[in-house]
Amino acid sequence: MQSENDYGHGEEDHMVTYKMEGLPGREEESVWLIFMEDRPFVLYDGCNWVKASDRDYNDFVVEITAIPEPATLCLFAIGTLLLRKRP
């Protein structure tokens, strides 16, 4: 995924995403971590392009966890059993 800013420099991403699996104590879950940078990487000061970003990617952080819903799993299991019993 490429980022495009107002200055035409689209070679660097403003968002980094990691998928984490097998975390201690959370072995059954998949976790996605999204890190975002809030500043443009370069700015034009009238004469020159200058670096503007601190590139820390901790300005906006989101954790998304996929947890299976028990009711959906139960319905899936019942449907599978019903399909297997039919001749």
Protein backbone atom coordinates (compact mmCIF):
# COMPACT_ATOMS: atom_id res chain seq x y z
CA MET A 1 0.00 0.00 0.00
CA GLN A 2 1.49 3.31 -1.03
CA SER A 3 0.79 6.68 0.56
CA GLU A 4 0.25 9.81 -1.47
CA ASN A 5 0.66 13.21 0.13
CA ASP A 6 0.01 16.68 -1.29
CA TYR A 7 3.60 17.03 -2.43
CA GLY A 8 3.69 14.14 -4.90
CA HIS A 9 6.08 12.01 -2.85
CA GLY A 10 4.36 8.66 -2.67
CA GLU A 11 7.37 6.46 -2.06
CA GLU A 12 6.88 6.05 1.69
CA ASP A 13 4.03 4.63 3.74
CA HIS A 14 2.28 6.54 6.51
CA MET A 15 0.79 3.32 7.86
CA VAL A 16 2.49 0.09 8.92
CA THR A 17 0.50 -3.08 9.68
CA TYR A 18 1.59 -6.26 11.48
CA LYS A 19 -0.32 -9.49 11.99
CA MET A 20 0.69 -11.18 15.25
CA GLU A 21 -0.08 -14.83 15.99
CA GLY A 22 0.83 -17.06 18.92
CA LEU A 23 1.30 -14.31 21.47
CA PRO A 24 1.85 -15.61 25.03
CA GLY A 25 -1.52 -16.00 26.73
CA ARG A 26 -3.33 -15.29 23.45
CA GLU A 27 -2.40 -18.33 21.37
CA GLU A 28 -5.88 -18.79 19.90
CA GLU A 29 -6.28 -15.18 18.73
CA SER A 30 -5.05 -13.33 15.67
CA VAL A 31 -4.05 -9.75 16.42
CA TRP A 32 -3.47 -7.00 13.88
CA LEU A 33 -1.49 -3.92 14.91
CA ILE A 34 -1.77 -0.73 12.83
CA PHE A 35 0.72 2.12 13.36
CA MET A 36 0.34 5.50 11.65
CA GLU A 37 2.57 8.54 11.12
CA ASP A 38 0.84 11.92 11.33
CA ARG A 39 3.31 14.25 9.63
CA PRO A 40 4.31 14.48 5.95
CA PHE A 41 7.77 13.13 5.31
CA VAL A 42 8.96 16.23 3.47
CA LEU A 43 7.77 19.84 3.23
CA TYR A 44 8.64 22.57 0.77
CA ASP A 45 9.79 25.69 2.65
CA GLY A 46 9.77 27.94 -0.42
CA CYS A 47 13.27 27.07 -1.62
CA ASN A 48 14.06 23.52 -0.53
CA TRP A 49 12.46 20.24 0.43
CA VAL A 50 13.05 19.63 4.15
CA LYS A 51 12.38 16.58 6.29
CA ALA A 52 9.31 17.10 8.47
CA SER A 53 8.45 13.69 9.85
CA ASP A 54 9.82 12.17 13.04
CA ARG A 55 9.05 8.69 11.59
CA ASP A 56 8.07 7.26 14.96
CA TYR A 57 4.81 5.64 13.74
CA ASN A 58 3.28 5.91 17.22
CA ASP A 59 0.96 8.84 16.57
CA PHE A 60 -2.08 6.62 16.08
CA VAL A 61 -2.00 2.94 17.07
CA VAL A 62 -4.88 0.47 16.66
CA GLU A 63 -5.09 -3.13 17.87
CA ILE A 64 -7.66 -5.38 16.21
CA THR A 65 -8.35 -8.82 17.67
CA ALA A 66 -10.32 -11.49 15.85
CA ILE A 67 -12.30 -13.50 18.39
CA PRO A 68 -14.74 -16.13 17.11
CA GLU A 69 -18.27 -15.58 18.36
CA PRO A 70 -19.57 -18.66 20.23
CA ALA A 71 -23.12 -18.37 18.87
CA THR A 72 -21.92 -18.35 15.26
CA LEU A 73 -19.68 -21.35 15.87
CA CYS A 74 -22.59 -23.18 17.50
CA LEU A 75 -24.89 -22.48 14.54
CA PHE A 76 -22.20 -23.64 12.13
CA ALA A 77 -21.77 -26.89 14.09
CA ILE A 78 -25.55 -27.53 14.19
CA GLY A 79 -25.84 -26.88 10.45
CA THR A 80 -22.98 -29.26 9.74
CA LEU A 81 -24.58 -31.98 11.85
CA LEU A 82 -27.95 -31.50 10.12
CA LEU A 83 -26.36 -31.75 6.69
CA ARG A 84 -24.54 -34.96 7.63
CA LYS A 85 -27.71 -36.68 8.89
CA ARG A 86 -29.64 -36.28 5.63
CA PRO A 87 -29.62 -39.30 3.27
